[in-house]
Amino acid sequence: FDPAVTEVMNFACGTGLMDKDIAPHAKRIVGVDISQGMVDAYNKRAAALNLNGKMSASVVHLTGSDPTELNGSKFDLILCTMAYHHFSSVSIITSMLASFLKPGGWLLVTDLRTPPTDSSQPISGPAPEFDKIIVEKHGFSDDVGTSLFRNAGLEEVSMQDVPGAILDGAVFGQPDNQRQIFLLKGRKPEAK
């Protein structure tokens, strides 16, 4: 990170909880989400922290196919935390995010790992609405995660557990369904 030049996108940014910790190390952070409520909360947080010029979020439905999206911005780092399980086509999302990276830029994703045995329950919730917003109910394996990134043209791909980061299944009304959180990372090749 270089606070004078590093540009970060937080995709599916939610309220921007992590971005306040990243802000001192970045020139700017662009939050992107499809929920106006989340974007409003993000921008309210930025204002409360006096980071309006450095952190801002917008409601945007990115495609990656329009070079004018986000005013043509490219990023040194793109983060997507705990959102991949909401996407119906993670391969399309991964390729789209990779298209917004500068050469040498990194894509970092955290989400839920596939449980160690097939006997674990899929993630489900106490209300039918919950099942509509959780698309990938079993989490992601190393093979699936690393293939997504490699197929999007990323290099130096790795997936590892985040030490001590366990999602308590009680959140889903399933106290016995604990899930390990992983970090998946990959770098866009340098321009030749």
N, C-alpha and C. Protein backbone atom coordinates (compact mmCIF):
# COMPACT_ATOMS: atom_id res chain seq x y z
N PHE A 1 0.83 -1.20 0.00
CA PHE A 1 0.00 0.00 0.00
C PHE A 1 0.87 1.24 0.00
N ASP A 2 0.48 2.20 -0.81
CA ASP A 2 1.11 3.51 -0.80
C ASP A 2 -0.02 4.53 -0.69
N PRO A 3 -0.13 5.23 0.45
CA PRO A 3 -1.24 6.15 0.65
C PRO A 3 -1.35 7.25 -0.41
N ALA A 4 -0.29 7.47 -1.15
CA ALA A 4 -0.32 8.51 -2.18
C ALA A 4 -0.91 8.02 -3.49
N VAL A 5 -0.91 6.69 -3.73
CA VAL A 5 -1.35 6.21 -5.05
C VAL A 5 -2.31 5.01 -5.02
N THR A 6 -2.36 4.23 -3.95
CA THR A 6 -3.15 2.99 -3.94
C THR A 6 -4.64 3.28 -4.00
N GLU A 7 -5.29 2.71 -5.03
CA GLU A 7 -6.73 2.87 -5.20
C GLU A 7 -7.40 1.52 -4.99
N VAL A 8 -8.46 1.54 -4.18
CA VAL A 8 -9.13 0.32 -3.73
C VAL A 8 -10.60 0.37 -4.11
N MET A 9 -11.12 -0.76 -4.60
CA MET A 9 -12.57 -0.92 -4.75
C MET A 9 -13.02 -1.96 -3.72
N ASN A 10 -14.09 -1.64 -3.01
CA ASN A 10 -14.73 -2.62 -2.14
C ASN A 10 -16.04 -2.98 -2.82
N PHE A 11 -16.08 -4.18 -3.42
CA PHE A 11 -17.24 -4.63 -4.18
C PHE A 11 -18.21 -5.33 -3.23
N ALA A 12 -19.50 -5.00 -3.35
CA ALA A 12 -20.51 -5.45 -2.40
C ALA A 12 -20.11 -4.95 -1.01
N CYS A 13 -19.85 -3.64 -0.97
CA CYS A 13 -19.20 -3.00 0.18
C CYS A 13 -20.02 -2.99 1.45
N GLY A 14 -21.33 -3.16 1.36
CA GLY A 14 -22.13 -3.05 2.57
C GLY A 14 -21.92 -1.69 3.21
N THR A 15 -21.77 -1.68 4.53
CA THR A 15 -21.63 -0.42 5.27
C THR A 15 -20.19 0.07 5.32
N GLY A 16 -19.25 -0.67 4.73
CA GLY A 16 -17.85 -0.22 4.71
C GLY A 16 -17.12 -0.41 6.01
N LEU A 17 -17.52 -1.39 6.76
CA LEU A 17 -16.95 -1.62 8.09
C LEU A 17 -15.42 -1.69 8.08
N MET A 18 -14.84 -2.40 7.11
CA MET A 18 -13.38 -2.56 7.05
C MET A 18 -12.66 -1.35 6.48
N ASP A 19 -13.35 -0.58 5.68
CA ASP A 19 -12.68 0.47 4.93
C ASP A 19 -12.07 1.56 5.79
N LYS A 20 -12.62 1.78 6.96
CA LYS A 20 -12.03 2.79 7.85
C LYS A 20 -10.62 2.39 8.25
N ASP A 21 -10.34 1.10 8.32
CA ASP A 21 -9.00 0.63 8.66
C ASP A 21 -8.05 0.65 7.46
N ILE A 22 -8.61 0.57 6.27
CA ILE A 22 -7.81 0.61 5.05
C ILE A 22 -7.50 2.04 4.63
N ALA A 23 -8.40 2.96 4.95
CA ALA A 23 -8.30 4.35 4.48
C ALA A 23 -6.94 5.01 4.73
N PRO A 24 -6.30 4.83 5.89
CA PRO A 24 -5.01 5.50 6.08
C PRO A 24 -3.92 5.01 5.13
N HIS A 25 -4.14 3.87 4.49
CA HIS A 25 -3.13 3.26 3.63
C HIS A 25 -3.43 3.41 2.14
N ALA A 26 -4.52 4.10 1.81
CA ALA A 26 -4.95 4.20 0.42
C ALA A 26 -5.21 5.65 0.03
N LYS A 27 -5.05 5.92 -1.25
CA LYS A 27 -5.38 7.25 -1.77
C LYS A 27 -6.90 7.44 -1.77
N ARG A 28 -7.61 6.38 -2.24
CA ARG A 28 -9.07 6.45 -2.23
C ARG A 28 -9.64 5.05 -2.22
N ILE A 29 -10.85 4.96 -1.67
CA ILE A 29 -11.59 3.70 -1.64
C ILE A 29 -12.96 3.96 -2.25
N VAL A 30 -13.29 3.16 -3.25
CA VAL A 30 -14.58 3.26 -3.92
C VAL A 30 -15.42 2.07 -3.50
N GLY A 31 -16.51 2.33 -2.80
CA GLY A 31 -17.44 1.28 -2.42
C GLY A 31 -18.50 1.13 -3.49
N VAL A 32 -18.82 -0.12 -3.82
CA VAL A 32 -19.84 -0.42 -4.83
C VAL A 32 -20.80 -1.42 -4.23
N ASP A 33 -22.09 -1.14 -4.33
CA ASP A 33 -23.10 -2.07 -3.81
C ASP A 33 -24.38 -1.85 -4.61
N ILE A 34 -25.26 -2.84 -4.59
CA ILE A 34 -26.54 -2.70 -5.29
C ILE A 34 -27.64 -2.21 -4.35
N SER A 35 -27.34 -2.09 -3.06
CA SER A 35 -28.33 -1.67 -2.08
C SER A 35 -28.13 -0.20 -1.71
N GLN A 36 -29.16 0.61 -1.97
CA GLN A 36 -29.08 2.02 -1.60
C GLN A 36 -28.92 2.19 -0.09
N GLY A 37 -29.58 1.35 0.69
CA GLY A 37 -29.45 1.43 2.15
C GLY A 37 -28.02 1.20 2.61
N MET A 38 -27.34 0.23 2.02
CA MET A 38 -25.95 -0.04 2.38
C MET A 38 -25.04 1.12 1.96
N VAL A 39 -25.27 1.64 0.76
CA VAL A 39 -24.47 2.76 0.27
C VAL A 39 -24.67 3.99 1.16
N ASP A 40 -25.91 4.25 1.56
CA ASP A 40 -26.17 5.38 2.46
C ASP A 40 -25.44 5.21 3.78
N ALA A 41 -25.47 3.99 4.34
CA ALA A 41 -24.77 3.73 5.60
C ALA A 41 -23.26 3.87 5.42
N TYR A 42 -22.74 3.41 4.30
CA TYR A 42 -21.31 3.54 4.00
C TYR A 42 -20.90 5.02 3.99
N ASN A 43 -21.64 5.82 3.23
CA ASN A 43 -21.31 7.24 3.10
C ASN A 43 -21.50 7.99 4.42
N LYS A 44 -22.47 7.57 5.20
CA LYS A 44 -22.66 8.16 6.53
C LYS A 44 -21.46 7.84 7.42
N ARG A 45 -20.97 6.61 7.34
CA ARG A 45 -19.78 6.21 8.12
C ARG A 45 -18.57 7.04 7.68
N ALA A 46 -18.39 7.20 6.37
CA ALA A 46 -17.26 7.99 5.85
C ALA A 46 -17.34 9.42 6.37
N ALA A 47 -18.53 10.00 6.37
CA ALA A 47 -18.70 11.38 6.85
C ALA A 47 -18.40 11.47 8.34
N ALA A 48 -18.88 10.50 9.12
CA ALA A 48 -18.65 10.51 10.57
C ALA A 48 -17.16 10.39 10.89
N LEU A 49 -16.42 9.71 10.03
CA LEU A 49 -14.97 9.54 10.23
C LEU A 49 -14.17 10.65 9.55
N ASN A 50 -14.87 11.61 8.97
CA ASN A 50 -14.23 12.71 8.24
C ASN A 50 -13.36 12.18 7.09
N LEU A 51 -13.88 11.15 6.40
CA LEU A 51 -13.15 10.54 5.29
C LEU A 51 -13.90 10.70 3.96
N ASN A 52 -14.75 11.73 3.87
CA ASN A 52 -15.55 11.93 2.65
C ASN A 52 -14.72 11.98 1.39
N GLY A 53 -13.57 12.62 1.41
CA GLY A 53 -12.75 12.74 0.22
C GLY A 53 -12.01 11.47 -0.14
N LYS A 54 -11.93 10.55 0.80
CA LYS A 54 -11.14 9.34 0.60
C LYS A 54 -12.02 8.10 0.40
N MET A 55 -13.17 8.06 1.04
CA MET A 55 -14.09 6.92 0.98
C MET A 55 -15.44 7.39 0.46
N SER A 56 -15.94 6.74 -0.58
CA SER A 56 -17.30 7.03 -1.03
C SER A 56 -17.86 5.78 -1.71
N ALA A 57 -19.16 5.62 -1.58
CA ALA A 57 -19.82 4.46 -2.19
C ALA A 57 -20.96 4.93 -3.08
N SER A 58 -21.27 4.10 -4.07
CA SER A 58 -22.36 4.37 -5.01
C SER A 58 -23.10 3.08 -5.30
N VAL A 59 -24.38 3.25 -5.65
CA VAL A 59 -25.15 2.11 -6.15
C VAL A 59 -24.78 1.96 -7.61
N VAL A 60 -24.17 0.83 -7.93
CA VAL A 60 -23.73 0.57 -9.30
C VAL A 60 -23.95 -0.91 -9.60
N HIS A 61 -24.47 -1.20 -10.77
CA HIS A 61 -24.59 -2.57 -11.26
C HIS A 61 -23.51 -2.75 -12.33
N LEU A 62 -22.34 -3.17 -11.91
CA LEU A 62 -21.19 -3.28 -12.82
C LEU A 62 -21.37 -4.44 -13.80
N THR A 63 -20.85 -4.23 -15.01
CA THR A 63 -20.84 -5.31 -16.00
C THR A 63 -19.41 -5.67 -16.41
N GLY A 64 -18.51 -4.70 -16.30
CA GLY A 64 -17.14 -4.93 -16.74
C GLY A 64 -16.96 -4.80 -18.24
N SER A 65 -18.06 -4.66 -18.97
CA SER A 65 -17.96 -4.57 -20.43
C SER A 65 -18.01 -3.13 -20.94
N ASP A 66 -18.30 -2.19 -20.06
CA ASP A 66 -18.39 -0.79 -20.45
C ASP A 66 -17.19 -0.04 -19.88
N PRO A 67 -16.27 0.43 -20.74
CA PRO A 67 -15.06 1.09 -20.24
C PRO A 67 -15.32 2.39 -19.48
N THR A 68 -16.55 2.92 -19.57
CA THR A 68 -16.86 4.15 -18.84
C THR A 68 -17.40 3.89 -17.44
N GLU A 69 -17.63 2.60 -17.11
CA GLU A 69 -18.10 2.30 -15.75
C GLU A 69 -17.09 2.82 -14.74
N LEU A 70 -17.59 3.37 -13.66
CA LEU A 70 -16.74 3.94 -12.60
C LEU A 70 -15.75 4.95 -13.19
N ASN A 71 -16.22 5.68 -14.21
CA ASN A 71 -15.40 6.70 -14.88
C ASN A 71 -14.09 6.14 -15.42
N GLY A 72 -14.10 4.88 -15.81
CA GLY A 72 -12.91 4.26 -16.38
C GLY A 72 -11.84 3.90 -15.35
N SER A 73 -12.18 3.97 -14.08
CA SER A 73 -11.20 3.69 -13.02
C SER A 73 -10.73 2.24 -13.05
N LYS A 74 -9.46 2.07 -12.73
CA LYS A 74 -8.85 0.76 -12.50
C LYS A 74 -8.25 0.81 -11.10
N PHE A 75 -8.12 -0.36 -10.47
CA PHE A 75 -7.77 -0.41 -9.06
C PHE A 75 -6.56 -1.29 -8.79
N ASP A 76 -5.81 -0.89 -7.77
CA ASP A 76 -4.66 -1.67 -7.30
C ASP A 76 -5.12 -2.86 -6.48
N LEU A 77 -6.26 -2.71 -5.83
CA LEU A 77 -6.79 -3.74 -4.95
C LEU A 77 -8.31 -3.72 -5.03
N ILE A 78 -8.90 -4.89 -5.21
CA ILE A 78 -10.35 -5.03 -5.14
C ILE A 78 -10.65 -6.05 -4.06
N LEU A 79 -11.52 -5.65 -3.13
CA LEU A 79 -11.93 -6.51 -2.02
C LEU A 79 -13.38 -6.92 -2.21
N CYS A 80 -13.69 -8.13 -1.82
CA CYS A 80 -15.07 -8.58 -1.75
C CYS A 80 -15.16 -9.49 -0.53
N THR A 81 -15.77 -8.99 0.52
CA THR A 81 -15.77 -9.74 1.78
C THR A 81 -17.16 -10.27 2.10
N MET A 82 -17.22 -11.56 2.27
CA MET A 82 -18.43 -12.25 2.71
C MET A 82 -19.65 -11.94 1.82
N ALA A 83 -19.41 -11.93 0.51
CA ALA A 83 -20.52 -11.66 -0.41
C ALA A 83 -20.61 -12.68 -1.54
N TYR A 84 -19.55 -13.43 -1.82
CA TYR A 84 -19.58 -14.36 -2.95
C TYR A 84 -20.73 -15.36 -2.84
N HIS A 85 -21.10 -15.75 -1.64
CA HIS A 85 -22.18 -16.73 -1.49
C HIS A 85 -23.54 -16.15 -1.89
N HIS A 86 -23.61 -14.85 -2.16
CA HIS A 86 -24.85 -14.22 -2.62
C HIS A 86 -24.96 -14.18 -4.15
N PHE A 87 -23.88 -14.45 -4.87
CA PHE A 87 -23.86 -14.27 -6.32
C PHE A 87 -24.26 -15.55 -7.05
N SER A 88 -25.13 -15.39 -8.05
CA SER A 88 -25.58 -16.57 -8.79
C SER A 88 -24.53 -17.06 -9.77
N SER A 89 -23.64 -16.20 -10.24
CA SER A 89 -22.58 -16.63 -11.15
C SER A 89 -21.25 -16.03 -10.70
N VAL A 90 -20.58 -16.74 -9.81
CA VAL A 90 -19.31 -16.23 -9.30
C VAL A 90 -18.24 -16.18 -10.38
N SER A 91 -18.33 -17.01 -11.41
CA SER A 91 -17.33 -16.95 -12.48
C SER A 91 -17.46 -15.63 -13.25
N ILE A 92 -18.68 -15.21 -13.53
CA ILE A 92 -18.89 -13.93 -14.22
C ILE A 92 -18.44 -12.78 -13.33
N ILE A 93 -18.79 -12.82 -12.06
CA ILE A 93 -18.40 -11.76 -11.12
C ILE A 93 -16.87 -11.68 -11.03
N THR A 94 -16.20 -12.83 -10.93
CA THR A 94 -14.75 -12.84 -10.79
C THR A 94 -14.08 -12.24 -12.03
N SER A 95 -14.52 -12.63 -13.20
CA SER A 95 -13.95 -12.06 -14.44
C SER A 95 -14.23 -10.56 -14.54
N MET A 96 -15.43 -10.15 -14.15
CA MET A 96 -15.77 -8.74 -14.18
C MET A 96 -14.87 -7.96 -13.22
N LEU A 97 -14.67 -8.46 -12.00
CA LEU A 97 -13.81 -7.77 -11.04
C LEU A 97 -12.37 -7.70 -11.55
N ALA A 98 -11.89 -8.79 -12.13
CA ALA A 98 -10.53 -8.80 -12.68
C ALA A 98 -10.35 -7.73 -13.75
N SER A 99 -11.42 -7.43 -14.49
CA SER A 99 -11.32 -6.41 -15.55
C SER A 99 -11.12 -5.01 -14.98
N PHE A 100 -11.42 -4.81 -13.72
CA PHE A 100 -11.24 -3.50 -13.08
C PHE A 100 -9.88 -3.37 -12.37
N LEU A 101 -9.07 -4.41 -12.43
CA LEU A 101 -7.74 -4.34 -11.80
C LEU A 101 -6.73 -3.68 -12.73
N LYS A 102 -5.84 -2.90 -12.15
CA LYS A 102 -4.67 -2.42 -12.88
C LYS A 102 -3.73 -3.61 -13.07
N PRO A 103 -2.87 -3.60 -14.08
CA PRO A 103 -1.84 -4.65 -14.17
C PRO A 103 -1.05 -4.69 -12.86
N GLY A 104 -0.90 -5.89 -12.32
CA GLY A 104 -0.22 -6.06 -11.03
C GLY A 104 -1.14 -5.90 -9.84
N GLY A 105 -2.42 -5.55 -10.09
CA GLY A 105 -3.38 -5.38 -8.99
C GLY A 105 -3.88 -6.71 -8.45
N TRP A 106 -4.40 -6.67 -7.23
CA TRP A 106 -4.82 -7.88 -6.53
C TRP A 106 -6.33 -7.90 -6.29
N LEU A 107 -6.92 -9.08 -6.44
CA LEU A 107 -8.30 -9.34 -6.05
C LEU A 107 -8.26 -10.20 -4.80
N LEU A 108 -8.93 -9.75 -3.74
CA LEU A 108 -9.01 -10.50 -2.48
C LEU A 108 -10.47 -10.76 -2.16
N VAL A 109 -10.79 -12.02 -1.90
CA VAL A 109 -12.15 -12.42 -1.56
C VAL A 109 -12.11 -13.22 -0.26
N THR A 110 -13.00 -12.88 0.66
CA THR A 110 -13.21 -13.73 1.83
C THR A 110 -14.64 -14.24 1.78
N ASP A 111 -14.80 -15.49 2.16
CA ASP A 111 -16.14 -16.08 2.22
C ASP A 111 -16.06 -17.39 3.00
N LEU A 112 -17.09 -18.20 2.85
CA LEU A 112 -17.22 -19.43 3.63
C LEU A 112 -16.64 -20.62 2.89
N ARG A 113 -15.82 -21.38 3.59
CA ARG A 113 -15.22 -22.58 3.03
C ARG A 113 -16.23 -23.73 3.06
N THR A 114 -16.13 -24.59 2.05
CA THR A 114 -16.90 -25.82 2.06
C THR A 114 -16.55 -26.59 3.32
N PRO A 115 -17.54 -27.14 4.01
CA PRO A 115 -17.23 -27.89 5.23
C PRO A 115 -16.36 -29.10 4.94
N PRO A 116 -15.61 -29.58 5.95
CA PRO A 116 -14.68 -30.68 5.72
C PRO A 116 -15.35 -32.01 5.36
N THR A 117 -16.62 -32.16 5.69
CA THR A 117 -17.32 -33.39 5.34
C THR A 117 -18.61 -33.05 4.62
N ASP A 118 -19.08 -33.97 3.83
CA ASP A 118 -20.34 -33.76 3.12
C ASP A 118 -21.55 -33.88 4.02
N SER A 119 -21.33 -34.28 5.28
CA SER A 119 -22.46 -34.46 6.18
C SER A 119 -22.97 -33.14 6.75
N SER A 120 -22.22 -32.05 6.55
CA SER A 120 -22.67 -30.75 7.07
C SER A 120 -23.89 -30.27 6.31
N GLN A 121 -24.70 -29.53 7.02
CA GLN A 121 -25.91 -28.98 6.42
C GLN A 121 -25.56 -27.83 5.49
N PRO A 122 -26.34 -27.63 4.44
CA PRO A 122 -26.18 -26.40 3.68
C PRO A 122 -26.61 -25.23 4.56
N ILE A 123 -26.10 -24.06 4.26
CA ILE A 123 -26.50 -22.88 5.01
C ILE A 123 -27.95 -22.58 4.66
N SER A 124 -28.76 -22.40 5.66
CA SER A 124 -30.14 -21.97 5.44
C SER A 124 -30.52 -21.09 6.61
N GLY A 125 -31.63 -20.42 6.47
CA GLY A 125 -31.99 -19.48 7.51
C GLY A 125 -33.35 -19.74 8.09
N PRO A 126 -33.68 -18.94 9.09
CA PRO A 126 -34.94 -19.13 9.79
C PRO A 126 -36.16 -18.68 8.99
N ALA A 127 -35.95 -17.94 7.91
CA ALA A 127 -37.08 -17.45 7.12
C ALA A 127 -36.85 -17.78 5.64
N PRO A 128 -37.93 -18.01 4.89
CA PRO A 128 -37.78 -18.32 3.46
C PRO A 128 -37.03 -17.23 2.69
N GLU A 129 -37.16 -15.97 3.12
CA GLU A 129 -36.47 -14.88 2.43
C GLU A 129 -34.96 -15.08 2.45
N PHE A 130 -34.47 -15.68 3.53
CA PHE A 130 -33.03 -15.91 3.69
C PHE A 130 -32.52 -16.79 2.55
N ASP A 131 -33.24 -17.85 2.24
CA ASP A 131 -32.79 -18.77 1.20
C ASP A 131 -32.76 -18.12 -0.18
N LYS A 132 -33.50 -17.05 -0.37
CA LYS A 132 -33.48 -16.35 -1.66
C LYS A 132 -32.22 -15.52 -1.85
N ILE A 133 -31.57 -15.11 -0.75
CA ILE A 133 -30.39 -14.25 -0.89
C ILE A 133 -29.08 -15.01 -0.73
N ILE A 134 -29.13 -16.26 -0.30
CA ILE A 134 -27.93 -17.08 -0.18
C ILE A 134 -27.96 -18.08 -1.33
N VAL A 135 -27.14 -17.85 -2.34
CA VAL A 135 -27.14 -18.69 -3.53
C VAL A 135 -26.25 -19.91 -3.33
N GLU A 136 -25.02 -19.69 -2.89
CA GLU A 136 -24.05 -20.78 -2.70
C GLU A 136 -24.13 -21.24 -1.25
N LYS A 137 -24.93 -22.26 -0.99
CA LYS A 137 -25.24 -22.67 0.37
C LYS A 137 -24.21 -23.61 1.00
N HIS A 138 -23.25 -24.08 0.22
CA HIS A 138 -22.26 -25.02 0.76
C HIS A 138 -20.88 -24.40 0.93
N GLY A 139 -20.70 -23.17 0.53
CA GLY A 139 -19.38 -22.56 0.62
C GLY A 139 -18.54 -22.92 -0.60
N PHE A 140 -17.25 -22.62 -0.52
CA PHE A 140 -16.35 -22.80 -1.66
C PHE A 140 -15.16 -23.66 -1.26
N SER A 141 -14.80 -24.60 -2.11
CA SER A 141 -13.62 -25.44 -1.89
C SER A 141 -12.40 -24.76 -2.50
N ASP A 142 -11.21 -25.26 -2.15
CA ASP A 142 -9.98 -24.74 -2.74
C ASP A 142 -10.02 -24.86 -4.26
N ASP A 143 -10.45 -26.02 -4.76
CA ASP A 143 -10.47 -26.24 -6.21
C ASP A 143 -11.37 -25.25 -6.92
N VAL A 144 -12.56 -25.05 -6.37
CA VAL A 144 -13.50 -24.12 -7.00
C VAL A 144 -12.96 -22.69 -6.93
N GLY A 145 -12.50 -22.28 -5.76
CA GLY A 145 -12.00 -20.91 -5.59
C GLY A 145 -10.82 -20.60 -6.48
N THR A 146 -9.81 -21.46 -6.46
CA THR A 146 -8.61 -21.18 -7.25
C THR A 146 -8.91 -21.27 -8.75
N SER A 147 -9.80 -22.16 -9.16
CA SER A 147 -10.19 -22.24 -10.58
C SER A 147 -10.90 -20.97 -11.03
N LEU A 148 -11.77 -20.43 -10.19
CA LEU A 148 -12.45 -19.17 -10.53
C LEU A 148 -11.44 -18.08 -10.86
N PHE A 149 -10.44 -17.95 -10.01
CA PHE A 149 -9.44 -16.90 -10.20
C PHE A 149 -8.55 -17.17 -11.40
N ARG A 150 -8.11 -18.39 -11.57
CA ARG A 150 -7.25 -18.72 -12.72
C ARG A 150 -8.01 -18.53 -14.04
N ASN A 151 -9.27 -18.94 -14.05
CA ASN A 151 -10.08 -18.79 -15.26
C ASN A 151 -10.35 -17.32 -15.60
N ALA A 152 -10.22 -16.44 -14.60
CA ALA A 152 -10.38 -15.00 -14.83
C ALA A 152 -9.06 -14.35 -15.22
N GLY A 153 -8.01 -15.18 -15.41
CA GLY A 153 -6.72 -14.67 -15.87
C GLY A 153 -5.80 -14.18 -14.76
N LEU A 154 -6.12 -14.51 -13.52
CA LEU A 154 -5.29 -14.06 -12.40
C LEU A 154 -4.16 -15.06 -12.14
N GLU A 155 -3.06 -14.54 -11.60
CA GLU A 155 -1.88 -15.35 -11.28
C GLU A 155 -1.62 -15.30 -9.78
N GLU A 156 -0.62 -16.07 -9.36
CA GLU A 156 -0.24 -16.12 -7.95
C GLU A 156 -1.46 -16.36 -7.06
N VAL A 157 -2.32 -17.26 -7.52
CA VAL A 157 -3.58 -17.54 -6.85
C VAL A 157 -3.34 -18.45 -5.65
N SER A 158 -3.94 -18.08 -4.52
CA SER A 158 -3.89 -18.95 -3.34
C SER A 158 -5.16 -18.77 -2.53
N MET A 159 -5.50 -19.82 -1.80
CA MET A 159 -6.67 -19.81 -0.93
C MET A 159 -6.26 -20.42 0.39
N GLN A 160 -6.48 -19.69 1.46
CA GLN A 160 -6.10 -20.21 2.78
C GLN A 160 -7.12 -19.78 3.82
N ASP A 161 -7.19 -20.55 4.89
CA ASP A 161 -8.08 -20.21 5.99
C ASP A 161 -7.57 -18.96 6.70
N VAL A 162 -8.50 -18.15 7.16
CA VAL A 162 -8.16 -17.00 8.00
C VAL A 162 -8.14 -17.52 9.43
N PRO A 163 -6.97 -17.51 10.08
CA PRO A 163 -6.88 -18.07 11.44
C PRO A 163 -7.89 -17.44 12.40
N GLY A 164 -8.63 -18.29 13.07
CA GLY A 164 -9.59 -17.84 14.08
C GLY A 164 -10.88 -17.27 13.53
N ALA A 165 -11.04 -17.24 12.20
CA ALA A 165 -12.24 -16.66 11.61
C ALA A 165 -13.24 -17.77 11.29
N ILE A 166 -14.16 -17.96 12.20
CA ILE A 166 -15.19 -18.99 12.07
C ILE A 166 -16.55 -18.30 12.14
N LEU A 167 -17.41 -18.58 11.18
CA LEU A 167 -18.77 -18.04 11.23
C LEU A 167 -19.61 -18.98 12.06
N ASP A 168 -20.22 -18.45 13.08
CA ASP A 168 -21.07 -19.23 13.98
C ASP A 168 -22.37 -19.55 13.26
N GLY A 169 -22.68 -20.81 13.16
CA GLY A 169 -23.90 -21.24 12.49
C GLY A 169 -25.17 -20.74 13.14
N ALA A 170 -25.08 -20.27 14.39
CA ALA A 170 -26.26 -19.74 15.07
C ALA A 170 -26.84 -18.55 14.30
N VAL A 171 -25.98 -17.86 13.55
CA VAL A 171 -26.44 -16.74 12.72
C VAL A 171 -27.53 -17.22 11.76
N PHE A 172 -27.41 -18.46 11.30
CA PHE A 172 -28.37 -19.04 10.37
C PHE A 172 -29.40 -19.91 11.07
N GLY A 173 -29.42 -19.88 12.39
CA GLY A 173 -30.32 -20.75 13.13
C GLY A 173 -29.83 -22.19 13.15
N GLN A 174 -28.52 -22.40 12.89
CA GLN A 174 -27.92 -23.73 12.86
C GLN A 174 -26.67 -23.73 13.73
N PRO A 175 -26.83 -23.77 15.06
CA PRO A 175 -25.67 -23.63 15.95
C PRO A 175 -24.58 -24.68 15.75
N ASP A 176 -24.91 -25.82 15.16
CA ASP A 176 -23.90 -26.86 14.94
C ASP A 176 -23.22 -26.74 13.58
N ASN A 177 -23.55 -25.74 12.81
CA ASN A 177 -23.05 -25.59 11.45
C ASN A 177 -22.02 -24.46 11.39
N GLN A 178 -20.85 -24.68 11.99
CA GLN A 178 -19.78 -23.68 11.99
C GLN A 178 -19.07 -23.68 10.64
N ARG A 179 -18.67 -22.50 10.16
CA ARG A 179 -18.00 -22.42 8.87
C ARG A 179 -16.71 -21.62 8.98
N GLN A 180 -15.64 -22.20 8.45
CA GLN A 180 -14.36 -21.52 8.37
C GLN A 180 -14.43 -20.45 7.28
N ILE A 181 -13.80 -19.32 7.52
CA ILE A 181 -13.72 -18.25 6.53
C ILE A 181 -12.35 -18.32 5.86
N PHE A 182 -12.33 -18.19 4.54
CA PHE A 182 -11.09 -18.25 3.78
C PHE A 182 -10.74 -16.89 3.19
N LEU A 183 -9.48 -16.77 2.78
CA LEU A 183 -9.00 -15.64 1.98
C LEU A 183 -8.50 -16.21 0.67
N LEU A 184 -9.08 -15.76 -0.42
CA LEU A 184 -8.69 -16.17 -1.77
C LEU A 184 -8.09 -14.94 -2.44
N LYS A 185 -6.89 -15.09 -2.99
CA LYS A 185 -6.26 -13.93 -3.61
C LYS A 185 -5.62 -14.30 -4.93
N GLY A 186 -5.56 -13.32 -5.81
CA GLY A 186 -4.91 -13.49 -7.10
C GLY A 186 -4.52 -12.13 -7.66
N ARG A 187 -3.49 -12.14 -8.50
CA ARG A 187 -2.92 -10.91 -9.05
C ARG A 187 -3.11 -10.87 -10.57
N LYS A 188 -3.50 -9.71 -11.07
CA LYS A 188 -3.59 -9.52 -12.52
C LYS A 188 -2.17 -9.41 -13.06
N PRO A 189 -1.86 -10.12 -14.14
CA PRO A 189 -0.49 -10.07 -14.68
C PRO A 189 -0.08 -8.64 -15.03
N GLU A 190 1.21 -8.38 -14.90
CA GLU A 190 1.77 -7.09 -15.31
C GLU A 190 1.64 -6.96 -16.82
N ALA A 191 1.49 -5.74 -17.29
CA ALA A 191 1.44 -5.49 -18.73
C ALA A 191 2.77 -5.86 -19.36
N LYS A 192 2.72 -6.43 -20.56
CA LYS A 192 3.96 -6.85 -21.23
C LYS A 192 4.35 -5.88 -22.30
